[in-house]
């Protein structure tokens, strides 16, 4: 699966990345990935693709109520 982001979604992706920096689970996973220098972690459970985090092949949306409502 390849993530393609175009048009107005670019602003939403930027917001996801900003909020992700404050999400404890995302920060922990990214730190773990950096530590072992990989872009895929735990047998494909977590992946970084085009600056987006994927969990189980789905874009990970940080635990932020407003952001999640905006995505929906």
Protein backbone atom coordinates (compact mmCIF):
# COMPACT_ATOMS: atom_id res chain seq x y z
CA UNK A 1 0.00 0.00 0.00
CA UNK A 2 1.33 3.43 -0.87
CA UNK A 3 0.04 6.59 0.80
CA UNK A 4 -0.61 9.43 -1.65
CA UNK A 5 -1.48 12.86 -0.30
CA UNK A 6 -2.63 15.65 -2.62
CA UNK A 7 -4.58 18.88 -2.59
CA UNK A 8 -6.32 20.06 0.58
CA UNK A 9 -5.28 16.92 2.46
CA UNK A 10 -1.73 18.30 2.66
CA UNK A 11 -2.78 20.74 5.41
CA UNK A 12 -4.46 17.92 7.33
CA UNK A 13 -1.32 15.77 7.08
CA UNK A 14 0.76 18.66 8.45
CA UNK A 15 -1.65 18.96 11.37
CA UNK A 16 -1.44 15.21 12.03
CA UNK A 17 2.37 15.39 12.10
CA UNK A 18 2.33 18.39 14.49
CA UNK A 19 -0.09 16.76 16.92
CA UNK A 20 1.71 13.40 16.64
CA UNK A 21 4.74 15.00 18.32
CA UNK A 22 2.62 15.33 21.50
CA UNK A 23 1.05 11.85 21.35
CA UNK A 24 2.81 9.61 23.89
CA UNK A 25 2.31 6.36 21.98
CA UNK A 26 3.50 7.86 18.69
CA UNK A 27 6.55 9.45 20.31
CA UNK A 28 7.49 6.16 21.97
CA UNK A 29 7.17 4.21 18.70
CA UNK A 30 9.15 6.77 16.68
CA UNK A 31 11.91 6.80 19.30
CA UNK A 32 12.04 3.00 19.21
CA UNK A 33 12.26 3.06 15.39
CA UNK A 34 15.06 5.63 15.47
CA UNK A 35 16.93 3.62 18.08
CA UNK A 36 17.04 0.52 15.88
CA UNK A 37 17.16 2.55 12.62
CA UNK A 38 14.14 1.02 10.90
CA UNK A 39 10.97 2.27 9.21
CA UNK A 40 8.99 -0.88 10.04
CA UNK A 41 8.55 -2.11 13.60
CA UNK A 42 7.06 -5.20 15.22
CA UNK A 43 6.43 -7.29 12.12
CA UNK A 44 4.65 -4.55 10.18
CA UNK A 45 2.44 -3.38 13.08
CA UNK A 46 4.02 0.09 12.85
CA UNK A 47 5.46 1.71 9.74
CA UNK A 48 6.55 5.17 8.64
CA UNK A 49 5.69 5.97 5.05
CA UNK A 50 6.04 9.42 3.49
CA UNK A 51 6.27 10.99 6.96
CA UNK A 52 3.00 9.39 8.07
CA UNK A 53 2.79 6.72 10.75
CA UNK A 54 0.81 3.64 9.84
CA UNK A 55 -0.48 1.18 12.40
CA UNK A 56 -1.63 -2.12 10.96
CA UNK A 57 -1.63 -0.60 7.43
CA UNK A 58 -3.86 2.37 8.43
CA UNK A 59 -2.80 5.98 8.94
CA UNK A 60 -2.34 6.54 12.67
CA UNK A 61 -4.31 9.56 13.89
CA UNK A 62 -3.03 10.82 17.26
CA UNK A 63 -5.38 10.73 20.24
CA UNK A 64 -6.67 14.26 19.80
CA UNK A 65 -10.47 14.61 19.80
CA UNK A 66 -10.63 17.68 17.52
CA UNK A 67 -8.21 16.20 14.99
CA UNK A 68 -10.05 12.88 14.88
CA UNK A 69 -13.36 14.70 14.28
CA UNK A 70 -11.76 16.74 11.50
CA UNK A 71 -10.46 13.59 9.83
CA UNK A 72 -13.89 11.96 9.98
